[in-house]
Amino acid sequence: MDDAVFRFAYASLANMADLPPSHPLLERLYEWRSFADQERFAELFDAMLHQSGLVNRQLFLFSSGRELTNYLHIFEILLEQAGARRLALGEVIELLSDYISSRAIPAAMTAMCCGSRASATPCKL
């Protein structure tokens, strides 16, 4: 199975344990960690989308653009919530986990999926 962001097979990660600190992949990860540690989420999310090649792969591999739209929307929601609620990195990760497991539903998704009607069917990210 491949990782959607980095496009690495999970099994190949063990072979990357001995990369020198100056390796471009590690430099990118250190930069992203710095963004995360400083709670610079806009820069972090932008880097994750663009520097990883995720946007380009989605545009190249999928003609509909739906998957890319989903990624962009998820990051937009997380960025909005991080700013509005002044979330730390751990809280952003927890929020994403809550969205994935349906323990929480973004307000934008509730309005989009359910409109003004009450719904017994939960909306999914």
Foldseek 3Di string as FASTA:
>chain_A
DADLQQRDDPVCVVVCPPPDCPPPVNVLVVVLVVCQQVVVLVVNLVCSCPVSCNVVCCVVPPPPCPVVVVSVVLSVLLVVCCVVVVDHNVVSVVVVVCLQVVVDPRPVQCCVVPNPHDDPDGGHD
